[in-house]
Amino acid sequence: MISWLKGEIVHNWQISTKKGVVLNVGGVGYEIQLLPKHLVKVEGSNLIELWIHQINREDSTNLYGFIEINQRDLFRKIISVNGIGPQIAMCLLDDFNVNQLVQAIEDSDIDSLTNSQGVGKRIAQRLVVELKNKLILFKDNQDQCINNKKSEISINYTKY
Protein backbone atom coordinates (compact mmCIF):
# COMPACT_ATOMS: atom_id res chain seq x y z
CA MET A 1 0.00 0.00 0.00
CA ILE A 2 1.32 3.43 -0.93
CA SER A 3 0.94 5.83 1.99
CA TRP A 4 3.17 8.81 1.22
CA LEU A 5 4.98 10.11 -1.86
CA LYS A 6 7.47 12.89 -2.46
CA GLY A 7 8.48 13.81 -5.95
CA GLU A 8 8.53 16.18 -8.87
CA ILE A 9 5.37 17.18 -10.68
CA VAL A 10 5.79 16.35 -14.36
CA HIS A 11 2.21 16.86 -15.54
CA ASN A 12 -1.13 18.28 -14.40
CA TRP A 13 -4.26 16.52 -15.70
CA GLN A 14 -8.02 16.98 -15.66
CA ILE A 15 -10.75 14.54 -16.65
CA SER A 16 -14.21 16.01 -16.18
CA THR A 17 -14.24 17.27 -12.57
CA LYS A 18 -11.30 15.09 -11.52
CA LYS A 19 -7.97 16.88 -11.32
CA GLY A 20 -4.53 15.69 -10.44
CA VAL A 21 -0.85 15.38 -11.17
CA VAL A 22 1.66 12.88 -12.44
CA LEU A 23 4.39 12.69 -9.83
CA ASN A 24 7.90 11.47 -10.70
CA VAL A 25 9.16 9.49 -7.72
CA GLY A 26 12.43 7.70 -8.38
CA GLY A 27 11.79 7.54 -12.11
CA VAL A 28 8.24 6.18 -11.79
CA GLY A 29 5.27 8.38 -12.71
CA TYR A 30 2.35 8.10 -10.28
CA GLU A 31 -0.99 9.52 -11.40
CA ILE A 32 -2.63 11.02 -8.32
CA GLN A 33 -6.01 12.70 -8.00
CA LEU A 34 -5.88 15.83 -5.85
CA LEU A 35 -8.49 18.08 -4.37
CA PRO A 36 -9.05 20.86 -6.94
CA LYS A 37 -8.18 23.47 -4.30
CA HIS A 38 -4.80 21.74 -3.83
CA LEU A 39 -4.06 21.71 -7.54
CA VAL A 40 -4.14 25.51 -7.51
CA LYS A 41 -1.63 25.50 -4.63
CA VAL A 42 0.82 23.22 -6.43
CA GLU A 43 0.88 25.13 -9.72
CA GLY A 44 4.39 26.39 -10.25
CA SER A 45 5.83 23.98 -7.69
CA ASN A 46 8.45 21.45 -8.68
CA LEU A 47 8.50 19.29 -5.58
CA ILE A 48 5.53 18.10 -3.55
CA GLU A 49 4.85 15.70 -0.70
CA LEU A 50 1.47 13.99 -0.51
CA TRP A 51 -0.29 11.66 1.88
CA ILE A 52 -1.82 8.93 -0.29
CA HIS A 53 -4.87 6.73 -0.14
CA GLN A 54 -4.74 3.85 -2.60
CA ILE A 55 -7.86 2.08 -3.84
CA ASN A 56 -7.41 -1.18 -5.72
CA ARG A 57 -10.27 -2.35 -7.88
CA GLU A 58 -10.56 -5.26 -10.25
CA ASP A 59 -9.79 -3.07 -13.27
CA SER A 60 -7.76 -0.19 -11.79
CA THR A 61 -5.68 1.22 -9.00
CA ASN A 62 -6.41 4.81 -8.01
CA LEU A 63 -4.30 7.12 -5.89
CA TYR A 64 -5.80 10.06 -3.99
CA GLY A 65 -3.36 12.65 -2.66
CA PHE A 66 -3.70 15.06 0.25
CA ILE A 67 -1.40 17.79 1.52
CA GLU A 68 -2.17 17.03 5.18
CA ILE A 69 -2.45 13.64 6.86
CA ASN A 70 -5.69 14.56 8.64
CA GLN A 71 -7.33 15.24 5.24
CA ARG A 72 -6.37 11.75 4.10
CA ASP A 73 -7.58 10.17 7.33
CA LEU A 74 -10.93 12.00 7.17
CA PHE A 75 -11.24 10.91 3.52
CA ARG A 76 -10.86 7.31 4.74
CA LYS A 77 -13.60 7.79 7.35
CA ILE A 78 -15.96 9.30 4.79
CA ILE A 79 -15.54 6.50 2.24
CA SER A 80 -16.11 3.93 5.01
CA VAL A 81 -19.75 5.06 5.05
CA ASN A 82 -21.88 2.71 2.98
CA GLY A 83 -22.85 4.27 -0.37
CA ILE A 84 -20.26 7.05 -0.28
CA GLY A 85 -17.42 6.74 -2.73
CA PRO A 86 -14.16 8.56 -3.24
CA GLN A 87 -15.55 11.21 -5.60
CA ILE A 88 -18.15 12.38 -3.10
CA ALA A 89 -15.48 12.40 -0.38
CA MET A 90 -13.21 14.48 -2.63
CA CYS A 91 -16.03 16.97 -3.26
CA LEU A 92 -16.73 17.31 0.46
CA LEU A 93 -13.05 17.84 1.30
CA ASP A 94 -12.70 20.34 -1.52
CA ASP A 95 -15.68 22.37 -0.27
CA PHE A 96 -14.84 22.22 3.46
CA ASN A 97 -11.65 22.26 5.47
CA VAL A 98 -11.30 19.39 7.96
CA ASN A 99 -12.65 21.33 10.96
CA GLN A 100 -15.62 22.71 9.00
CA LEU A 101 -16.60 19.28 7.67
CA VAL A 102 -16.32 17.64 11.09
CA GLN A 103 -18.38 20.47 12.60
CA ALA A 104 -21.07 20.15 9.90
CA ILE A 105 -21.34 16.42 10.61
CA GLU A 106 -21.33 16.90 14.40
CA ASP A 107 -23.99 19.64 14.12
CA SER A 108 -26.12 17.54 11.73
CA ASP A 109 -25.95 20.44 9.26
CA ILE A 110 -27.62 18.66 6.34
CA ASP A 111 -28.09 21.90 4.39
CA SER A 112 -24.36 22.68 4.35
CA LEU A 113 -23.42 19.12 3.43
CA THR A 114 -25.88 19.03 0.51
CA ASN A 115 -24.16 22.05 -1.05
CA SER A 116 -21.36 19.73 -2.20
CA GLN A 117 -21.66 18.16 -5.63
CA GLY A 118 -23.15 14.66 -5.50
CA VAL A 119 -24.34 14.98 -1.90
CA GLY A 120 -28.08 14.74 -1.62
CA LYS A 121 -30.20 14.73 1.50
CA ARG A 122 -29.97 10.94 1.98
CA ILE A 123 -26.19 10.87 1.65
CA ALA A 124 -25.84 13.82 4.04
CA GLN A 125 -28.11 12.10 6.56
CA ARG A 126 -26.14 8.85 6.23
CA LEU A 127 -22.89 10.75 6.86
CA VAL A 128 -24.34 12.30 10.00
CA VAL A 129 -25.84 9.06 11.33
CA GLU A 130 -22.72 6.96 10.75
CA LEU A 131 -19.99 9.48 11.62
CA LYS A 132 -21.48 11.72 14.30
CA ASN A 133 -19.47 11.38 17.53
CA LYS A 134 -16.83 9.30 15.71
CA LEU A 135 -14.71 12.20 14.50
CA ILE A 136 -13.42 13.49 17.83
CA LEU A 137 -9.82 12.85 16.74
CA PHE A 138 -10.26 15.39 13.94
CA LYS A 139 -11.88 18.13 15.98
CA ASP A 140 -9.43 21.03 16.31
CA ASN A 141 -6.65 18.56 15.65
CA GLN A 142 -5.11 20.21 12.61
CA ASP A 143 -1.68 20.52 14.24
CA GLN A 144 -1.77 17.63 16.68
CA CYS A 145 -1.87 14.51 14.48
CA ILE A 146 0.17 11.50 15.51
CA ASN A 147 3.56 11.89 13.85
CA ASN A 148 2.48 15.39 12.87
CA LYS A 149 4.13 15.23 9.47
CA LYS A 150 2.31 17.78 7.37
CA SER A 151 3.24 17.70 3.76
CA GLU A 152 5.09 20.63 2.37
CA ILE A 153 4.50 22.11 -1.01
CA SER A 154 7.88 23.32 -1.93
CA ILE A 155 9.99 24.74 -4.66
CA ASN A 156 13.60 23.76 -4.20
CA TYR A 157 12.73 22.41 -0.73
CA THR A 158 11.53 25.80 0.54
CA LYS A 159 8.46 25.66 2.80
CA TYR A 160 5.42 27.77 2.02
C-alpha atoms as a PDB file:
ATOM      1  CA  MET A   1       0.000   0.000   0.000  1.00  0.00           C
ATOM      2  CA  ILE A   2       1.316   3.427  -0.928  1.00  0.00           C
ATOM      3  CA  SER A   3       0.936   5.826   1.994  1.00  0.00           C
ATOM      4  CA  TRP A   4       3.171   8.815   1.216  1.00  0.00           C
ATOM      5  CA  LEU A   5       4.984  10.110  -1.860  1.00  0.00           C
ATOM      6  CA  LYS A   6       7.467  12.891  -2.456  1.00  0.00           C
ATOM      7  CA  GLY A   7       8.479  13.813  -5.955  1.00  0.00           C
ATOM      8  CA  GLU A   8       8.533  16.181  -8.868  1.00  0.00           C
ATOM      9  CA  ILE A   9       5.368  17.179 -10.684  1.00  0.00           C
ATOM     10  CA  VAL A  10       5.793  16.352 -14.355  1.00  0.00           C
ATOM     11  CA  HIS A  11       2.215  16.865 -15.541  1.00  0.00           C
ATOM     12  CA  ASN A  12      -1.135  18.281 -14.402  1.00  0.00           C
ATOM     13  CA  TRP A  13      -4.259  16.520 -15.695  1.00  0.00           C
ATOM     14  CA  GLN A  14      -8.017  16.982 -15.664  1.00  0.00           C
ATOM     15  CA  ILE A  15     -10.746  14.537 -16.653  1.00  0.00           C
ATOM     16  CA  SER A  16     -14.209  16.009 -16.181  1.00  0.00           C
ATOM     17  CA  THR A  17     -14.244  17.267 -12.574  1.00  0.00           C
ATOM     18  CA  LYS A  18     -11.296  15.091 -11.516  1.00  0.00           C
ATOM     19  CA  LYS A  19      -7.970  16.881 -11.317  1.00  0.00           C
ATOM     20  CA  GLY A  20      -4.526  15.686 -10.441  1.00  0.00           C
ATOM     21  CA  VAL A  21      -0.852  15.376 -11.169  1.00  0.00           C
ATOM     22  CA  VAL A  22       1.663  12.878 -12.439  1.00  0.00           C
ATOM     23  CA  LEU A  23       4.394  12.685  -9.829  1.00  0.00           C
ATOM     24  CA  ASN A  24       7.902  11.471 -10.700  1.00  0.00           C
ATOM     25  CA  VAL A  25       9.156   9.489  -7.719  1.00  0.00           C
ATOM     26  CA  GLY A  26      12.430   7.696  -8.381  1.00  0.00           C
ATOM     27  CA  GLY A  27      11.794   7.543 -12.111  1.00  0.00           C
ATOM     28  CA  VAL A  28       8.242   6.177 -11.787  1.00  0.00           C
ATOM     29  CA  GLY A  29       5.271   8.382 -12.706  1.00  0.00           C
ATOM     30  CA  TYR A  30       2.354   8.099 -10.283  1.00  0.00           C
ATOM     31  CA  GLU A  31      -0.990   9.520 -11.402  1.00  0.00           C
ATOM     32  CA  ILE A  32      -2.629  11.023  -8.317  1.00  0.00           C
ATOM     33  CA  GLN A  33      -6.013  12.696  -8.004  1.00  0.00           C
ATOM     34  CA  LEU A  34      -5.882  15.828  -5.848  1.00  0.00           C
ATOM     35  CA  LEU A  35      -8.486  18.081  -4.372  1.00  0.00           C
ATOM     36  CA  PRO A  36      -9.055  20.858  -6.944  1.00  0.00           C
ATOM     37  CA  LYS A  37      -8.181  23.468  -4.298  1.00  0.00           C
ATOM     38  CA  HIS A  38      -4.799  21.745  -3.834  1.00  0.00           C
ATOM     39  CA  LEU A  39      -4.057  21.710  -7.544  1.00  0.00           C
ATOM     40  CA  VAL A  40      -4.139  25.507  -7.509  1.00  0.00           C
ATOM     41  CA  LYS A  41      -1.628  25.503  -4.626  1.00  0.00           C
ATOM     42  CA  VAL A  42       0.817  23.218  -6.429  1.00  0.00           C
ATOM     43  CA  GLU A  43       0.883  25.127  -9.716  1.00  0.00           C
ATOM     44  CA  GLY A  44       4.394  26.389 -10.250  1.00  0.00           C
ATOM     45  CA  SER A  45       5.828  23.976  -7.689  1.00  0.00           C
ATOM     46  CA  ASN A  46       8.446  21.453  -8.682  1.00  0.00           C
ATOM     47  CA  LEU A  47       8.496  19.291  -5.581  1.00  0.00           C
ATOM     48  CA  ILE A  48       5.528  18.101  -3.552  1.00  0.00           C
ATOM     49  CA  GLU A  49       4.853  15.697  -0.704  1.00  0.00           C
ATOM     50  CA  LEU A  50       1.475  13.986  -0.507  1.00  0.00           C
ATOM     51  CA  TRP A  51      -0.287  11.657   1.879  1.00  0.00           C
ATOM     52  CA  ILE A  52      -1.818   8.931  -0.291  1.00  0.00           C
ATOM     53  CA  HIS A  53      -4.872   6.731  -0.141  1.00  0.00           C
ATOM     54  CA  GLN A  54      -4.742   3.853  -2.598  1.00  0.00           C
ATOM     55  CA  ILE A  55      -7.865   2.080  -3.835  1.00  0.00           C
ATOM     56  CA  ASN A  56      -7.408  -1.183  -5.717  1.00  0.00           C
ATOM     57  CA  ARG A  57     -10.274  -2.350  -7.879  1.00  0.00           C
ATOM     58  CA  GLU A  58     -10.558  -5.257 -10.251  1.00  0.00           C
ATOM     59  CA  ASP A  59      -9.792  -3.074 -13.267  1.00  0.00           C
ATOM     60  CA  SER A  60      -7.761  -0.193 -11.793  1.00  0.00           C
ATOM     61  CA  THR A  61      -5.677   1.216  -8.996  1.00  0.00           C
ATOM     62  CA  ASN A  62      -6.410   4.808  -8.012  1.00  0.00           C
ATOM     63  CA  LEU A  63      -4.298   7.118  -5.891  1.00  0.00           C
ATOM     64  CA  TYR A  64      -5.802  10.059  -3.985  1.00  0.00           C
ATOM     65  CA  GLY A  65      -3.365  12.651  -2.656  1.00  0.00           C
ATOM     66  CA  PHE A  66      -3.698  15.059   0.253  1.00  0.00           C
ATOM     67  CA  ILE A  67      -1.402  17.789   1.515  1.00  0.00           C
ATOM     68  CA  GLU A  68      -2.172  17.028   5.181  1.00  0.00           C
ATOM     69  CA  ILE A  69      -2.447  13.636   6.857  1.00  0.00           C
ATOM     70  CA  ASN A  70      -5.689  14.560   8.638  1.00  0.00           C
ATOM     71  CA  GLN A  71      -7.325  15.237   5.245  1.00  0.00           C
ATOM     72  CA  ARG A  72      -6.371  11.747   4.097  1.00  0.00           C
ATOM     73  CA  ASP A  73      -7.577  10.174   7.326  1.00  0.00           C
ATOM     74  CA  LEU A  74     -10.926  12.003   7.167  1.00  0.00           C
ATOM     75  CA  PHE A  75     -11.241  10.906   3.520  1.00  0.00           C
ATOM     76  CA  ARG A  76     -10.860   7.307   4.744  1.00  0.00           C
ATOM     77  CA  LYS A  77     -13.595   7.789   7.355  1.00  0.00           C
ATOM     78  CA  ILE A  78     -15.964   9.297   4.789  1.00  0.00           C
ATOM     79  CA  ILE A  79     -15.540   6.496   2.243  1.00  0.00           C
ATOM     80  CA  SER A  80     -16.112   3.926   5.008  1.00  0.00           C
ATOM     81  CA  VAL A  81     -19.750   5.057   5.051  1.00  0.00           C
ATOM     82  CA  ASN A  82     -21.885   2.711   2.977  1.00  0.00           C
ATOM     83  CA  GLY A  83     -22.847   4.270  -0.367  1.00  0.00           C
ATOM     84  CA  ILE A  84     -20.263   7.054  -0.281  1.00  0.00           C
ATOM     85  CA  GLY A  85     -17.420   6.739  -2.730  1.00  0.00           C
ATOM     86  CA  PRO A  86     -14.158   8.559  -3.241  1.00  0.00           C
ATOM     87  CA  GLN A  87     -15.550  11.212  -5.599  1.00  0.00           C
ATOM     88  CA  ILE A  88     -18.152  12.384  -3.096  1.00  0.00           C
ATOM     89  CA  ALA A  89     -15.478  12.403  -0.378  1.00  0.00           C
ATOM     90  CA  MET A  90     -13.206  14.480  -2.628  1.00  0.00           C
ATOM     91  CA  CYS A  91     -16.030  16.971  -3.262  1.00  0.00           C
ATOM     92  CA  LEU A  92     -16.728  17.308   0.461  1.00  0.00           C
ATOM     93  CA  LEU A  93     -13.051  17.836   1.301  1.00  0.00           C
ATOM     94  CA  ASP A  94     -12.704  20.343  -1.520  1.00  0.00           C
ATOM     95  CA  ASP A  95     -15.684  22.370  -0.268  1.00  0.00           C
ATOM     96  CA  PHE A  96     -14.836  22.219   3.456  1.00  0.00           C
ATOM     97  CA  ASN A  97     -11.647  22.258   5.467  1.00  0.00           C
ATOM     98  CA  VAL A  98     -11.303  19.395   7.963  1.00  0.00           C
ATOM     99  CA  ASN A  99     -12.651  21.332  10.962  1.00  0.00           C
ATOM    100  CA  GLN A 100     -15.621  22.712   8.997  1.00  0.00           C
ATOM    101  CA  LEU A 101     -16.603  19.283   7.672  1.00  0.00           C
ATOM    102  CA  VAL A 102     -16.321  17.644  11.087  1.00  0.00           C
ATOM    103  CA  GLN A 103     -18.378  20.473  12.600  1.00  0.00           C
ATOM    104  CA  ALA A 104     -21.070  20.149   9.901  1.00  0.00           C
ATOM    105  CA  ILE A 105     -21.344  16.419  10.609  1.00  0.00           C
ATOM    106  CA  GLU A 106     -21.331  16.903  14.402  1.00  0.00           C
ATOM    107  CA  ASP A 107     -23.992  19.640  14.123  1.00  0.00           C
ATOM    108  CA  SER A 108     -26.123  17.542  11.730  1.00  0.00           C
ATOM    109  CA  ASP A 109     -25.950  20.438   9.257  1.00  0.00           C
ATOM    110  CA  ILE A 110     -27.618  18.658   6.344  1.00  0.00           C
ATOM    111  CA  ASP A 111     -28.094  21.902   4.393  1.00  0.00           C
ATOM    112  CA  SER A 112     -24.358  22.680   4.347  1.00  0.00           C
ATOM    113  CA  LEU A 113     -23.420  19.122   3.432  1.00  0.00           C
ATOM    114  CA  THR A 114     -25.876  19.034   0.511  1.00  0.00           C
ATOM    115  CA  ASN A 115     -24.164  22.055  -1.050  1.00  0.00           C
ATOM    116  CA  SER A 116     -21.360  19.730  -2.195  1.00  0.00           C
ATOM    117  CA  GLN A 117     -21.659  18.164  -5.629  1.00  0.00           C
ATOM    118  CA  GLY A 118     -23.149  14.661  -5.501  1.00  0.00           C
ATOM    119  CA  VAL A 119     -24.342  14.978  -1.903  1.00  0.00           C
ATOM    120  CA  GLY A 120     -28.082  14.739  -1.615  1.00  0.00           C
ATOM    121  CA  LYS A 121     -30.199  14.734   1.505  1.00  0.00           C
ATOM    122  CA  ARG A 122     -29.969  10.939   1.980  1.00  0.00           C
ATOM    123  CA  ILE A 123     -26.192  10.871   1.653  1.00  0.00           C
ATOM    124  CA  ALA A 124     -25.844  13.816   4.043  1.00  0.00           C
ATOM    125  CA  GLN A 125     -28.110  12.096   6.564  1.00  0.00           C
ATOM    126  CA  ARG A 126     -26.143   8.855   6.228  1.00  0.00           C
ATOM    127  CA  LEU A 127     -22.890  10.752   6.864  1.00  0.00           C
ATOM    128  CA  VAL A 128     -24.339  12.300  10.004  1.00  0.00           C
ATOM    129  CA  VAL A 129     -25.838   9.059  11.329  1.00  0.00           C
ATOM    130  CA  GLU A 130     -22.720   6.960  10.752  1.00  0.00           C
ATOM    131  CA  LEU A 131     -19.994   9.480  11.624  1.00  0.00           C
ATOM    132  CA  LYS A 132     -21.475  11.719  14.302  1.00  0.00           C
ATOM    133  CA  ASN A 133     -19.466  11.384  17.533  1.00  0.00           C
ATOM    134  CA  LYS A 134     -16.829   9.298  15.709  1.00  0.00           C
ATOM    135  CA  LEU A 135     -14.712  12.203  14.498  1.00  0.00           C
ATOM    136  CA  ILE A 136     -13.423  13.488  17.834  1.00  0.00           C
ATOM    137  CA  LEU A 137      -9.820  12.847  16.742  1.00  0.00           C
ATOM    138  CA  PHE A 138     -10.262  15.389  13.941  1.00  0.00           C
ATOM    139  CA  LYS A 139     -11.878  18.133  15.983  1.00  0.00           C
ATOM    140  CA  ASP A 140      -9.428  21.031  16.308  1.00  0.00           C
ATOM    141  CA  ASN A 141      -6.651  18.557  15.651  1.00  0.00           C
ATOM    142  CA  GLN A 142      -5.109  20.208  12.606  1.00  0.00           C
ATOM    143  CA  ASP A 143      -1.681  20.521  14.238  1.00  0.00           C
ATOM    144  CA  GLN A 144      -1.765  17.625  16.682  1.00  0.00           C
ATOM    145  CA  CYS A 145      -1.875  14.511  14.478  1.00  0.00           C
ATOM    146  CA  ILE A 146       0.168  11.498  15.511  1.00  0.00           C
ATOM    147  CA  ASN A 147       3.561  11.895  13.851  1.00  0.00           C
ATOM    148  CA  ASN A 148       2.485  15.389  12.873  1.00  0.00           C
ATOM    149  CA  LYS A 149       4.127  15.231   9.474  1.00  0.00           C
ATOM    150  CA  LYS A 150       2.307  17.785   7.369  1.00  0.00           C
ATOM    151  CA  SER A 151       3.235  17.696   3.764  1.00  0.00           C
ATOM    152  CA  GLU A 152       5.087  20.629   2.374  1.00  0.00           C
ATOM    153  CA  ILE A 153       4.496  22.114  -1.008  1.00  0.00           C
ATOM    154  CA  SER A 154       7.876  23.322  -1.929  1.00  0.00           C
ATOM    155  CA  ILE A 155       9.995  24.744  -4.657  1.00  0.00           C
ATOM    156  CA  ASN A 156      13.604  23.759  -4.196  1.00  0.00           C
ATOM    157  CA  TYR A 157      12.729  22.410  -0.725  1.00  0.00           C
ATOM    158  CA  THR A 158      11.526  25.801   0.545  1.00  0.00           C
ATOM    159  CA  LYS A 159       8.465  25.656   2.801  1.00  0.00           C
ATOM    160  CA  TYR A 160       5.416  27.774   2.023  1.00  0.00           C
END
